[in-house]
Each structure stands twice: as structure tokens, then as C-alpha cells.
Amino acid sequence: MLVKTFGSAVLGVDAITLTIEVNVSMGQGYTIVGLPDSAIRESLQRTESAIKTNGFHMPRTKVVVNLAPADIKKSGSALDLPIALGILGASEQLDNPHRLSDYVIMGELGLDGSVQAIKGALPIAIQARKEGFKGLIVPKANVREAAMVNNLLVYGVSHFKELIQFFEKEESLQAQIENTRDDFFNTVGHYEFDFSEVKGQENIKRALEIAAAGAHNAILIGPPGAGKTMLAKRLPSILPPLTLQEALETTKIHSVAGKLPFNSALLNQRPFRSPHHTISDVAMVGGGSNPQPGEISLSHNGVLFLDELPEFKRTVLEVMRQPMEERKVSISRTRVAIDFPANFMLIASMNPCPCGFFNHPEKECTCAGGLVQKYLNKVSGPLLDRIDLHVEVTPVAFNALNNQQKAESSAAIRERVIAARAIQAKRFKNEKGIYANAQMTSQHLREVCHLSTVSNNLLQKAMSRLNLSARAYDRILKVSRTIADLSFSSDILPEHVAEAIQYRSLDREGWGG
């Protein structure tokens, strides 16, 4: 007898529906076809144990399982449930096998019939609704995530027996209902870290406020213990809150990567990813035989923090250059090409030299001549070209550390950032894919970054006296425009240009000796 069940496979951040055809006929042997990987081929051993443990029998005849479309490689263990149900239906152990075709069914089976969590429940639910299925059945651990999709019945199961009872008696399971909008808006804006906890460092807070207001990349340069990591961790708290659309995009990526917290629904905070400097190229940008999103995609709509930037492998930093410009990464394989979104803010930190005390106000640098510049040269010019703000961080004085008065809160800074972003949203409302000053092209610079004679002369003198490189020119204009937006100024004033110039430390000829 031939029975069809339906599952799903995740490609990139989207899903495609799979038809699992199970045929039980005369003969011997179990076979799975349709480009399965090792985990799927081992499924028959898991399903056989689960079927026997729960009072059913495994057919002792020929069983052929076909995963269609057969030209797409399938991977993972999430097809255990539809395969097991297909075997029971094809061997006439279910009373109503025709009902199986109404649902997309996903889950990994334990040997005792317990159902384990899967990856990608959210894109699977979106695809199931798009194709008009009556409902979706997923593991209990993924039910809240999948139930964010409305107009689709979503059921969570924790054991194989519950699923059998559901198809024998439909009312044995209750559909999960999630009020996505209310849950999201009730929890958005709650942050673990706050700028009110930071003593001193007012100039660094100002630089990060500018970075947040214009979506600019930034690098913090300073000695150990100056607070670079602490400040970077608080950056998400001053970024505009996620919109519902951004939250869905971000949740899809984390769902595909299996990074969502247990039994969670929609992500309500911008991601903050801080990979270790030993990370590989593939782990950073994504890929693998079954392409998975990397750290830059997991940072989508959030912040990617690279601590001790020169310690990262050069190849890892170089592969980031194109995604930083295009805000996506393309993974190409023989059979498939996948795009992962990668619209992130890059915040990096580094010591100014190997010993860490170059330009320190009190401690003396012990590095040999030329070693400071050699250390800086570990970070390529083209990567620094994509970083708008170079911020020098100095140690906090004792008086500032001992001050018991709370500093300005993240909420107050965030209000100014939101107001500046609103100005930019209005400015670029007719530009597709551009929403902040950091994304302006050369044409936009000519249109919206007009300088007065005084401002232009100031910039010209700075370029000459500080020996700033040509690549610094566009960056200074973009940052000046953001500073003007924070001041609600339609014109870029000389003080805006002057402040932007000071954020180009690493472009100065001779910096680092």
C-alpha cells in the first residue's frame, strides 16, 4: 500500500515542502531514496524502535521511502515523524491514513517514541500556510515558535503516542494559540545592560550614540581595562527597538540555525554576537555542505562585536568585506545558491599595540620601534575603509569611578537616536534598501551633504594637516550628516564637521609611530 505524508526542508532562511512517499509491498529490505544524508538513512532504525516500543509492528516486507523532490539533498533527523507515520499508514495500522495528507509533520524520534526539537520551525510554518495545509505538527519545544504564524493550526507533541491518538481521535490535541503582536510589544525594549551603569567615558558614549543614529560601523582603540567591551555590550540598548517585520526576519535566521532559546517565540531584542577570534571563515559568513547562517547573518538587524580585531585571522576579516557592502552573503554550491541576509553594525575593539599601552596617559609602551604599526597593519586598509568611526578609549579616572551619581540612561540616548533615524527614514523614503546615513552612495553624498564655505575650508585643512587619506573624505561627510541629524540641523555646520574629523584616528599618517 502507498501512503503519502508531508514534511519540509529548510534552504537558506526559507522552507520547501517535501512529499514522503512510503510503499509497503512484497519483498524484503528497507530503502530510503531521494538524496538523504546519513542522519535520514539512520531514521529507519529510530522509527523501528519507536514503532515497536509503542505497541505497533514494523513490516517484515519491502519498505521503500521516497523523499520528493528527489533532486534536492535532504539532511537532518526532523523527518523521523512523517516517515514513521507513513510506515504505519502504508502497513494499514492506522484507521484513517488519508488524514495524514492534511498536515505537515516534523520531528525527531527517540527510541522510546519521545519527540525531540527541530531547527527552522518558523519558516516551515510560513511555507505550510502558503501552500494551504490544514495544520502543522511539530515538537512541543518548537510549538510557540511555529504558532507565531496565523491562519494555521499548529499542534505540539512530546511523544509518538500523542500523534497516533490525534489521527485516531482529532480532539486529543489542542492547537497552540500565540498572540504574537501583544507578546512582542509587551516585551520589546527590555535590556540587560544600560549606559547609566557606565562611569565616565562621556566621549565614547557620544561616539556610540552617533554610530547608532547613523548605523555606522565603529572601532574602539584603547588599553586593556578601559571599558571597550563593556561599552560595546550596551550599544543594542540605544538602537531603535526592533519592528515586527525585523523581529520576524531575525527570528527566522535564528530558527534555521537552531539558536532560539527553548520554547521561545518572537525575538524582541536586536542580536548582539561576539564570536571568539579563533572563528573560521565558514563560521563567520556561513556555509557548509548543508549551508547554515554564519555569525554575520545571526547579527542581522543587530550588532556584530569583534573583540581584539587584529587577533582574528586575516582571511576571516577579508571575507566580511563584500557582505558589509551588500548586506547579504551568497553561498553557492553545485546544486543550489542561497542568500543569507547580513545587515549588521560592526563594532570592533583593539589594543593600540601588542603590550596595550601605546598613547596611555600614565603607563609607558614597551613595544619595539615599528611594532605598533605592524600590529595595526594586521587589519587591512579595505576593512578599515568600511569603518566610519575610529574612537580612542582612555582609562577612566578614579574620581569618575568613585562618583555615585548615575549617568544618562540608555532610554534617554535611545530617544535621540530614534529621532535622528526618523529624519533619515524621511530623507530616504524613496530609496530602496537605504534607511540610514551609513548606507549613502556617492550620489547621495552630493545631494544631502552640502557644506558651507567655512565647513568646506575646515575639511580641506584637516585633510591636509592631518594627512588624512582620500577614503576618509566620504566617511567624514556621512558622520557629519548624522551629527547634524542628531542636532536637528538641516545644514552641516562647521562644528559637525570638526567632530566627525576627530573620529578618523587610524587614517592619520604616522598614527602608531
Protein backbone atom coordinates (compact mmCIF):
# COMPACT_ATOMS: atom_id res chain seq x y z
CA MET A 1 0.00 0.00 0.00
CA LEU A 2 1.23 3.51 -0.84
CA VAL A 3 0.77 6.41 1.62
CA LYS A 4 1.93 10.00 1.34
CA THR A 5 2.88 12.25 4.25
CA PHE A 6 4.35 15.74 4.11
CA GLY A 7 7.41 17.23 5.73
CA SER A 8 9.65 20.17 5.00
CA ALA A 9 13.28 21.06 4.30
CA VAL A 10 14.97 24.38 5.03
CA LEU A 11 17.08 26.00 2.31
CA GLY A 12 18.69 29.23 3.47
CA VAL A 13 16.06 31.03 5.53
CA ASP A 14 13.10 29.62 3.60
CA ALA A 15 11.48 26.18 3.52
CA ILE A 16 10.24 23.87 0.79
CA THR A 17 7.61 21.18 1.27
CA LEU A 18 8.67 17.56 0.90
CA THR A 19 6.41 14.67 -0.05
CA ILE A 20 7.33 11.50 1.84
CA GLU A 21 6.00 8.53 -0.14
CA VAL A 22 6.02 5.22 1.70
CA ASN A 23 5.24 1.99 -0.11
CA VAL A 24 4.96 -1.38 1.65
CA SER A 25 4.95 -4.29 -0.80
CA MET A 26 6.07 -7.89 -1.27
CA GLY A 27 9.78 -8.47 -0.86
CA GLN A 28 12.45 -7.73 1.73
CA GLY A 29 14.55 -4.79 2.88
CA TYR A 30 14.16 -1.15 3.88
CA THR A 31 15.24 1.62 1.50
CA ILE A 32 15.20 5.44 1.61
CA VAL A 33 15.75 7.29 -1.67
CA GLY A 34 15.70 10.97 -2.68
CA LEU A 35 19.21 12.17 -1.74
CA PRO A 36 19.03 11.53 2.03
CA ASP A 37 22.08 12.15 4.23
CA SER A 38 23.36 9.77 6.90
CA ALA A 39 21.01 11.11 9.60
CA ILE A 40 17.97 10.40 7.41
CA ARG A 41 19.23 6.97 6.38
CA GLU A 42 19.56 6.10 10.08
CA SER A 43 15.94 7.17 10.56
CA LEU A 44 14.64 3.66 9.89
CA GLN A 45 16.46 2.32 12.95
CA ARG A 46 14.99 5.04 15.17
CA THR A 47 11.49 4.69 13.74
CA GLU A 48 11.55 0.90 14.04
CA SER A 49 12.38 1.13 17.73
CA ALA A 50 9.76 3.83 18.36
CA ILE A 51 7.08 1.87 16.48
CA LYS A 52 7.75 -1.35 18.41
CA THR A 53 8.03 0.41 21.78
CA ASN A 54 4.56 1.91 21.32
CA GLY A 55 2.72 -1.32 20.53
CA PHE A 56 2.89 -1.42 16.74
CA HIS A 57 4.91 -3.67 14.44
CA MET A 58 7.45 -2.92 11.77
CA PRO A 59 6.57 -4.55 8.41
CA ARG A 60 8.73 -7.56 7.56
CA THR A 61 8.20 -6.95 3.85
CA LYS A 62 9.76 -4.45 1.44
CA VAL A 63 9.54 -0.81 2.57
CA VAL A 64 10.55 1.97 0.16
CA VAL A 65 10.58 5.59 1.35
CA ASN A 66 10.92 8.28 -1.33
CA LEU A 67 11.66 11.91 -0.42
CA ALA A 68 10.38 14.14 -3.21
CA PRO A 69 11.55 16.28 -4.93
CA ALA A 70 14.31 13.73 -5.36
CA ASP A 71 16.94 16.12 -6.78
CA ILE A 72 17.32 18.21 -3.59
CA LYS A 73 19.65 16.92 -0.89
CA LYS A 74 17.90 16.37 2.44
CA SER A 75 19.64 16.42 5.78
CA GLY A 76 18.95 16.14 9.50
CA SER A 77 16.69 13.98 11.61
CA ALA A 78 13.49 16.06 11.51
CA LEU A 79 11.77 13.70 9.02
CA ASP A 80 11.54 10.81 11.53
CA LEU A 81 7.89 11.52 12.40
CA PRO A 82 6.43 11.68 8.86
CA ILE A 83 8.43 8.57 7.88
CA ALA A 84 7.15 6.64 10.93
CA LEU A 85 3.53 7.68 10.29
CA GLY A 86 3.90 6.81 6.61
CA ILE A 87 5.10 3.30 7.53
CA LEU A 88 2.13 2.79 9.89
CA GLY A 89 -0.30 4.07 7.28
CA ALA A 90 1.17 2.00 4.43
CA SER A 91 1.12 -1.14 6.59
CA GLU A 92 -2.56 -0.49 7.44
CA GLN A 93 -2.01 0.08 11.16
CA LEU A 94 -3.82 3.43 11.09
CA ASP A 95 -7.59 3.68 10.68
CA ASN A 96 -7.54 6.98 8.77
CA PRO A 97 -4.26 7.22 6.80
CA HIS A 98 -5.87 9.65 4.32
CA ARG A 99 -5.86 12.34 7.04
CA LEU A 100 -2.06 12.38 7.05
CA SER A 101 -2.02 14.46 3.85
CA ASP A 102 -3.77 17.40 5.59
CA TYR A 103 -0.74 18.22 7.75
CA VAL A 104 2.95 19.00 7.53
CA ILE A 105 4.59 16.83 10.19
CA MET A 106 8.10 17.36 11.56
CA GLY A 107 10.04 15.91 14.47
CA GLU A 108 12.94 13.71 15.52
CA LEU A 109 12.07 10.45 17.25
CA GLY A 110 13.79 8.97 20.27
CA LEU A 111 13.96 5.19 20.59
CA ASP A 112 11.14 5.29 23.17
CA GLY A 113 8.93 7.46 20.94
CA SER A 114 9.76 10.81 22.54
CA VAL A 115 9.79 13.71 20.09
CA GLN A 116 12.87 15.96 20.03
CA ALA A 117 13.18 19.59 18.91
CA ILE A 118 13.96 20.59 15.32
CA LYS A 119 15.52 23.58 13.54
CA GLY A 120 13.62 26.01 11.32
CA ALA A 121 10.08 25.62 12.69
CA LEU A 122 9.17 29.23 11.82
CA PRO A 123 10.00 29.12 8.06
CA ILE A 124 8.39 25.66 7.90
CA ALA A 125 5.16 27.10 9.36
CA ILE A 126 5.23 30.02 6.92
CA GLN A 127 5.58 27.63 3.97
CA ALA A 128 2.83 25.31 5.27
CA ARG A 129 0.39 28.22 5.46
CA LYS A 130 1.42 29.42 1.99
CA GLU A 131 0.66 26.01 0.48
CA GLY A 132 -2.74 25.74 2.17
CA PHE A 133 -2.21 22.85 4.59
CA LYS A 134 -4.81 22.43 7.32
CA GLY A 135 -2.19 22.36 10.05
CA LEU A 136 1.38 21.79 11.19
CA ILE A 137 2.58 19.27 13.78
CA VAL A 138 5.93 19.99 15.45
CA PRO A 139 7.71 19.01 18.69
CA LYS A 140 6.42 20.65 21.86
CA ALA A 141 9.67 22.60 22.20
CA ASN A 142 9.02 24.36 18.87
CA VAL A 143 5.27 24.94 19.12
CA ARG A 144 5.38 28.58 20.30
CA GLU A 145 7.84 29.46 17.55
CA ALA A 146 5.66 27.89 14.83
CA ALA A 147 2.41 29.26 16.28
CA MET A 148 3.53 32.82 15.52
CA VAL A 149 2.17 32.18 12.01
CA ASN A 150 -1.55 32.99 11.99
CA ASN A 151 -4.28 31.26 9.98
CA LEU A 152 -2.60 27.89 10.53
CA LEU A 153 -3.43 25.23 13.13
CA VAL A 154 -0.21 24.35 14.97
CA TYR A 155 -0.01 21.36 17.30
CA GLY A 156 2.84 20.45 19.63
CA VAL A 157 3.59 16.82 20.52
CA SER A 158 6.07 15.41 23.01
CA HIS A 159 5.53 11.69 22.31
CA PHE A 160 4.74 9.48 19.33
CA LYS A 161 1.62 8.10 21.08
CA GLU A 162 0.05 11.57 21.23
CA LEU A 163 0.34 11.80 17.45
CA ILE A 164 -1.26 8.39 16.89
CA GLN A 165 -4.15 9.34 19.18
CA PHE A 166 -4.55 12.64 17.31
CA PHE A 167 -5.05 10.89 13.98
CA GLU A 168 -7.38 8.34 15.57
CA LYS A 169 -9.26 10.98 17.56
CA GLU A 170 -8.59 14.55 16.39
CA GLU A 171 -9.66 16.34 19.58
CA SER A 172 -6.89 14.69 21.64
CA LEU A 173 -4.56 17.63 20.82
CA GLN A 174 -5.21 21.34 21.26
CA ALA A 175 -3.90 23.85 18.73
CA GLN A 176 -1.42 26.35 20.15
CA ILE A 177 -2.54 29.99 20.01
CA GLU A 178 0.02 32.81 20.22
CA ASN A 179 -0.89 36.49 20.31
CA THR A 180 2.30 37.47 18.53
CA ARG A 181 1.77 41.21 18.36
CA ASP A 182 0.77 41.65 22.01
CA ASP A 183 3.56 39.39 23.28
CA PHE A 184 6.11 41.22 21.16
CA PHE A 185 5.11 44.77 22.06
CA ASN A 186 4.79 43.90 25.76
CA THR A 187 8.38 42.62 25.95
CA VAL A 188 10.25 44.77 23.42
CA GLY A 189 12.62 47.33 24.91
CA HIS A 190 13.78 45.33 27.95
CA TYR A 191 17.59 45.32 28.09
CA GLU A 192 20.10 43.56 30.32
CA PHE A 193 22.71 46.34 30.15
CA ASP A 194 22.29 50.11 30.42
CA PHE A 195 24.56 53.10 29.82
CA SER A 196 23.56 54.52 33.20
CA GLU A 197 25.89 51.93 34.74
CA VAL A 198 28.95 53.30 32.90
CA LYS A 199 31.16 55.69 34.88
CA GLY A 200 32.82 58.44 32.86
CA GLN A 201 33.65 57.79 29.18
CA GLU A 202 31.26 60.51 28.02
CA ASN A 203 33.15 60.99 24.74
CA ILE A 204 32.88 57.27 23.96
CA LYS A 205 29.15 57.28 24.73
CA ARG A 206 28.78 60.20 22.35
CA ALA A 207 30.63 58.31 19.60
CA LEU A 208 28.43 55.22 20.07
CA GLU A 209 25.33 57.44 20.00
CA ILE A 210 26.46 58.79 16.63
CA ALA A 211 27.18 55.24 15.42
CA ALA A 212 23.70 54.10 16.49
CA ALA A 213 21.99 57.15 14.96
CA GLY A 214 23.52 56.62 11.51
CA ALA A 215 24.08 52.82 11.58
CA HIS A 216 27.82 53.48 11.30
CA ASN A 217 30.47 50.84 11.90
CA ALA A 218 32.95 51.77 14.65
CA ILE A 219 36.23 50.61 16.13
CA LEU A 220 37.29 51.28 19.73
CA ILE A 221 41.05 51.57 20.32
CA GLY A 222 42.43 51.65 23.83
CA PRO A 223 44.43 49.88 26.55
CA PRO A 224 43.22 46.80 28.45
CA GLY A 225 40.58 47.54 31.08
CA ALA A 226 39.49 50.87 29.57
CA GLY A 227 35.91 49.60 29.08
CA LYS A 228 35.78 48.82 25.35
CA THR A 229 33.84 45.55 25.72
CA MET A 230 31.56 46.94 28.42
CA LEU A 231 30.59 49.89 26.21
CA ALA A 232 30.06 47.72 23.12
CA LYS A 233 27.70 45.38 25.02
CA ARG A 234 25.46 48.33 25.81
CA LEU A 235 25.14 49.52 22.21
CA PRO A 236 21.96 47.45 21.45
CA SER A 237 20.21 49.27 24.31
CA ILE A 238 20.39 52.60 22.43
CA LEU A 239 19.45 51.26 18.99
CA PRO A 240 15.84 51.74 17.84
CA PRO A 241 13.66 48.82 19.01
CA LEU A 242 13.03 46.04 16.52
CA THR A 243 9.99 46.46 14.31
CA LEU A 244 7.68 43.46 13.98
CA GLN A 245 8.99 42.79 10.46
CA GLU A 246 12.63 42.96 11.61
CA ALA A 247 11.83 40.65 14.52
CA LEU A 248 10.34 38.07 12.15
CA GLU A 249 13.38 38.23 9.85
CA THR A 250 15.77 37.85 12.77
CA THR A 251 13.78 35.04 14.37
CA LYS A 252 13.74 33.09 11.06
CA ILE A 253 17.53 33.17 10.86
CA HIS A 254 17.99 32.07 14.47
CA SER A 255 15.35 29.38 13.98
CA VAL A 256 17.17 27.94 10.95
CA ALA A 257 20.45 27.94 12.89
CA GLY A 258 18.84 26.31 15.94
CA LYS A 259 19.83 29.26 18.14
CA LEU A 260 16.42 30.15 19.55
CA PRO A 261 16.01 29.65 23.31
CA PHE A 262 13.92 26.65 24.40
CA ASN A 263 10.17 27.12 23.94
CA SER A 264 10.64 30.71 22.74
CA ALA A 265 8.59 32.79 20.34
CA LEU A 266 9.50 36.02 18.57
CA LEU A 267 12.88 37.62 19.38
CA ASN A 268 12.28 41.01 20.96
CA GLN A 269 15.83 42.43 21.12
CA ARG A 270 18.41 43.20 18.49
CA PRO A 271 21.02 40.44 18.35
CA PHE A 272 24.49 41.01 19.81
CA ARG A 273 27.00 38.44 18.57
CA SER A 274 30.57 38.30 19.85
CA PRO A 275 32.49 35.41 18.22
CA HIS A 276 35.90 34.33 19.54
CA HIS A 277 38.92 35.35 17.48
CA THR A 278 39.65 31.68 16.61
CA ILE A 279 36.48 31.53 14.46
CA SER A 280 36.79 30.05 10.95
CA ASP A 281 35.81 31.70 7.66
CA VAL A 282 32.74 29.45 7.24
CA ALA A 283 31.55 30.01 10.80
CA MET A 284 31.77 33.76 10.25
CA VAL A 285 30.00 34.12 6.89
CA GLY A 286 28.03 30.84 6.75
CA GLY A 287 28.22 27.79 4.53
CA GLY A 288 29.00 24.10 4.93
CA SER A 289 27.78 21.10 2.94
CA ASN A 290 24.26 21.92 4.17
CA PRO A 291 24.57 25.75 4.17
CA GLN A 292 23.88 27.33 7.54
CA PRO A 293 23.91 31.02 8.51
CA GLY A 294 27.15 32.33 10.00
CA GLU A 295 27.78 34.95 12.67
CA ILE A 296 27.25 37.86 10.28
CA SER A 297 23.75 36.57 9.47
CA LEU A 298 22.98 35.82 13.12
CA SER A 299 23.83 39.51 13.69
CA HIS A 300 21.25 40.62 11.09
CA ASN A 301 19.38 43.72 12.33
CA GLY A 302 21.79 43.86 15.27
CA VAL A 303 25.44 44.19 16.27
CA LEU A 304 28.48 42.06 15.43
CA PHE A 305 31.22 42.72 18.00
CA LEU A 306 34.76 41.63 17.17
CA ASP A 307 36.90 41.93 20.30
CA GLU A 308 40.66 42.25 19.70
CA LEU A 309 40.27 42.71 15.96
CA PRO A 310 43.94 42.14 14.96
CA GLU A 311 43.85 38.67 16.57
CA PHE A 312 41.29 37.41 14.04
CA LYS A 313 42.67 35.53 11.06
CA ARG A 314 43.19 37.82 8.11
CA THR A 315 41.08 35.59 5.85
CA VAL A 316 38.15 35.81 8.27
CA LEU A 317 38.23 39.60 8.18
CA GLU A 318 38.64 39.76 4.41
CA VAL A 319 35.58 37.58 3.65
CA MET A 320 33.46 40.10 5.56
CA ARG A 321 34.18 42.94 3.17
CA GLN A 322 31.62 42.12 0.48
CA PRO A 323 28.75 41.27 2.90
CA MET A 324 29.36 44.57 4.70
CA GLU A 325 28.71 46.43 1.45
CA GLU A 326 25.88 44.30 0.04
CA ARG A 327 24.23 43.49 3.40
CA LYS A 328 23.84 39.86 2.39
CA VAL A 329 26.07 36.83 1.81
CA SER A 330 25.67 34.43 -1.11
CA ILE A 331 26.59 30.77 -0.58
CA SER A 332 26.96 28.90 -3.88
CA ARG A 333 27.05 25.14 -4.19
CA THR A 334 26.86 22.81 -7.20
CA ARG A 335 23.12 22.22 -6.86
CA VAL A 336 21.97 25.33 -5.02
CA ALA A 337 22.76 29.00 -4.38
CA ILE A 338 21.49 30.51 -1.13
CA ASP A 339 21.40 34.12 0.10
CA PHE A 340 21.54 34.84 3.81
CA PRO A 341 20.73 38.40 4.97
CA ALA A 342 23.58 40.17 6.78
CA ASN A 343 22.54 43.73 7.59
CA PHE A 344 24.55 44.35 10.75
CA MET A 345 26.51 47.05 12.54
CA LEU A 346 30.16 46.14 13.02
CA ILE A 347 31.69 47.23 16.32
CA ALA A 348 35.33 46.22 16.77
CA SER A 349 37.81 46.79 19.55
CA MET A 350 41.59 46.51 19.73
CA ASN A 351 44.58 47.37 21.83
CA PRO A 352 46.75 50.05 20.19
CA CYS A 353 49.81 47.78 20.29
CA PRO A 354 50.88 44.28 21.46
CA CYS A 355 51.59 45.44 25.03
CA GLY A 356 48.41 47.56 25.01
CA PHE A 357 49.81 50.84 26.38
CA PHE A 358 50.69 52.95 23.33
CA ASN A 359 49.39 56.52 23.90
CA HIS A 360 48.49 55.62 27.52
CA PRO A 361 48.42 58.74 29.71
CA GLU A 362 50.33 57.08 32.58
CA LYS A 363 51.92 53.76 31.53
CA GLU A 364 54.82 53.50 29.10
CA CYS A 365 54.62 51.39 25.94
CA THR A 366 57.30 48.66 25.87
CA CYS A 367 56.91 47.71 22.20
CA ALA A 368 59.96 47.94 19.94
CA GLY A 369 60.11 50.52 17.17
CA GLY A 370 57.78 49.79 14.27
CA LEU A 371 55.90 47.10 16.20
CA VAL A 372 52.90 49.36 16.81
CA GLN A 373 52.40 49.99 13.09
CA LYS A 374 52.98 46.31 12.32
CA TYR A 375 50.25 45.39 14.83
CA LEU A 376 47.84 47.86 13.24
CA ASN A 377 48.67 46.53 9.77
CA LYS A 378 47.11 43.19 10.73
CA VAL A 379 43.82 44.91 9.91
CA SER A 380 43.69 45.63 6.19
CA GLY A 381 43.08 49.08 4.75
CA PRO A 382 39.98 47.97 2.78
CA LEU A 383 38.35 46.75 6.02
CA LEU A 384 39.20 49.96 7.87
CA ASP A 385 37.76 51.78 4.87
CA ARG A 386 34.36 50.33 5.81
CA ILE A 387 34.58 51.51 9.43
CA ASP A 388 33.26 55.06 9.82
CA LEU A 389 34.30 55.93 13.38
CA HIS A 390 37.72 55.35 14.94
CA VAL A 391 37.33 56.04 18.66
CA GLU A 392 40.26 56.26 21.05
CA VAL A 393 39.32 54.98 24.51
CA THR A 394 41.29 56.15 27.54
CA PRO A 395 41.21 54.71 31.08
CA VAL A 396 38.61 56.10 33.48
CA ALA A 397 39.96 58.39 36.21
CA PHE A 398 39.45 57.40 39.85
CA ASN A 399 37.18 60.38 40.56
CA ALA A 400 34.81 59.26 37.79
CA LEU A 401 34.83 55.65 39.01
CA ASN A 402 34.10 56.77 42.57
CA ASN A 403 31.21 59.02 41.52
CA GLN A 404 27.96 57.61 42.92
CA GLN A 405 25.72 59.63 40.63
CA LYS A 406 24.08 57.63 37.83
CA ALA A 407 24.94 58.55 34.27
CA GLU A 408 22.45 59.23 31.48
CA SER A 409 20.28 56.18 30.82
CA SER A 410 20.11 54.22 27.60
CA ALA A 411 16.44 55.17 27.25
CA ALA A 412 17.29 58.88 27.08
CA ILE A 413 20.02 58.30 24.49
CA ARG A 414 17.73 55.98 22.53
CA GLU A 415 15.11 58.73 22.17
CA ARG A 416 17.65 60.94 20.41
CA VAL A 417 18.76 58.05 18.18
CA ILE A 418 15.15 57.27 17.19
CA ALA A 419 14.55 60.93 16.34
CA ALA A 420 17.67 61.02 14.12
CA ARG A 421 16.67 57.76 12.41
CA ALA A 422 13.22 59.22 11.71
CA ILE A 423 14.85 62.14 9.86
CA GLN A 424 16.88 59.67 7.77
CA ALA A 425 13.85 57.48 7.07
CA LYS A 426 12.05 60.52 5.68
CA ARG A 427 15.13 61.52 3.66
CA PHE A 428 15.48 58.08 2.03
CA LYS A 429 11.81 57.11 1.83
CA ASN A 430 12.04 56.73 -1.96
CA GLU A 431 15.35 54.83 -1.90
CA LYS A 432 15.08 51.04 -1.86
CA GLY A 433 17.29 49.35 0.74
CA ILE A 434 18.63 52.60 2.22
CA TYR A 435 17.39 53.74 5.61
CA ALA A 436 20.45 55.29 7.34
CA ASN A 437 23.28 57.67 6.55
CA ALA A 438 25.93 54.92 6.65
CA GLN A 439 24.38 53.38 3.53
CA MET A 440 24.56 56.52 1.38
CA THR A 441 26.19 56.25 -2.03
CA SER A 442 28.41 58.90 -3.64
CA GLN A 443 25.34 60.31 -5.40
CA HIS A 444 23.51 60.70 -2.07
CA LEU A 445 26.54 62.46 -0.60
CA ARG A 446 26.38 65.08 -3.34
CA GLU A 447 22.63 65.53 -2.80
CA VAL A 448 22.34 65.69 1.00
CA CYS A 449 25.80 66.63 2.30
CA HIS A 450 26.20 70.24 1.18
CA LEU A 451 28.96 72.07 3.03
CA SER A 452 29.18 75.81 3.60
CA THR A 453 32.37 77.61 2.61
CA VAL A 454 33.58 77.60 6.24
CA SER A 455 32.84 73.87 6.65
CA ASN A 456 34.49 73.04 3.35
CA ASN A 457 37.63 75.00 4.25
CA LEU A 458 37.79 73.26 7.62
CA LEU A 459 37.61 69.85 5.99
CA GLN A 460 40.22 70.82 3.42
CA LYS A 461 42.66 71.97 6.13
CA ALA A 462 42.06 68.79 8.14
CA MET A 463 42.74 66.59 5.14
CA SER A 464 46.00 68.44 4.55
CA ARG A 465 47.32 68.96 8.10
CA LEU A 466 46.37 65.56 9.50
CA ASN A 467 47.42 63.75 6.33
CA LEU A 468 44.03 62.02 6.15
CA SER A 469 43.63 59.52 3.34
CA ALA A 470 41.24 60.07 0.45
CA ARG A 471 38.98 57.31 1.73
CA ALA A 472 38.33 59.34 4.88
CA TYR A 473 36.53 62.09 2.92
CA ASP A 474 33.25 60.22 2.30
CA ARG A 475 33.24 58.81 5.83
CA ILE A 476 33.61 62.26 7.37
CA LEU A 477 30.72 63.56 5.29
CA LYS A 478 28.45 60.68 6.33
CA VAL A 479 29.27 61.05 10.01
CA SER A 480 28.86 64.86 9.76
CA ARG A 481 25.39 64.35 8.30
CA THR A 482 24.46 62.08 11.22
CA ILE A 483 25.77 64.56 13.80
CA ALA A 484 23.69 67.25 12.09
CA ASP A 485 20.62 64.99 12.26
CA LEU A 486 21.16 64.48 15.99
CA SER A 487 21.20 68.27 16.32
CA PHE A 488 18.05 68.60 14.16
CA SER A 489 20.06 70.75 11.76
CA SER A 490 19.23 70.73 8.06
CA ASP A 491 22.69 72.08 7.27
CA ILE A 492 26.07 70.55 8.09
CA LEU A 493 27.74 73.15 10.30
CA PRO A 494 31.49 73.58 10.95
CA GLU A 495 31.16 72.07 14.44
CA HIS A 496 29.58 68.95 12.93
CA VAL A 497 32.49 68.54 10.51
CA ALA A 498 35.02 69.19 13.29
CA GLU A 499 33.52 66.47 15.47
CA ALA A 500 33.46 63.98 12.57
CA ILE A 501 37.14 64.67 11.78
CA GLN A 502 38.25 63.58 15.24
CA TYR A 503 36.80 60.10 14.59
CA ARG A 504 39.39 59.28 11.90
CA SER A 505 42.36 58.47 14.15
CA LEU A 506 43.65 55.50 12.18
CA ASP A 507 43.69 57.44 8.91
CA ARG A 508 46.23 59.92 10.20
CA GLU A 509 49.63 59.46 8.66
CA GLY A 510 52.09 58.36 11.28
CA TRP A 511 49.49 57.15 13.79
CA GLY A 512 51.17 54.38 15.68
CA GLY A 513 54.71 55.59 15.10
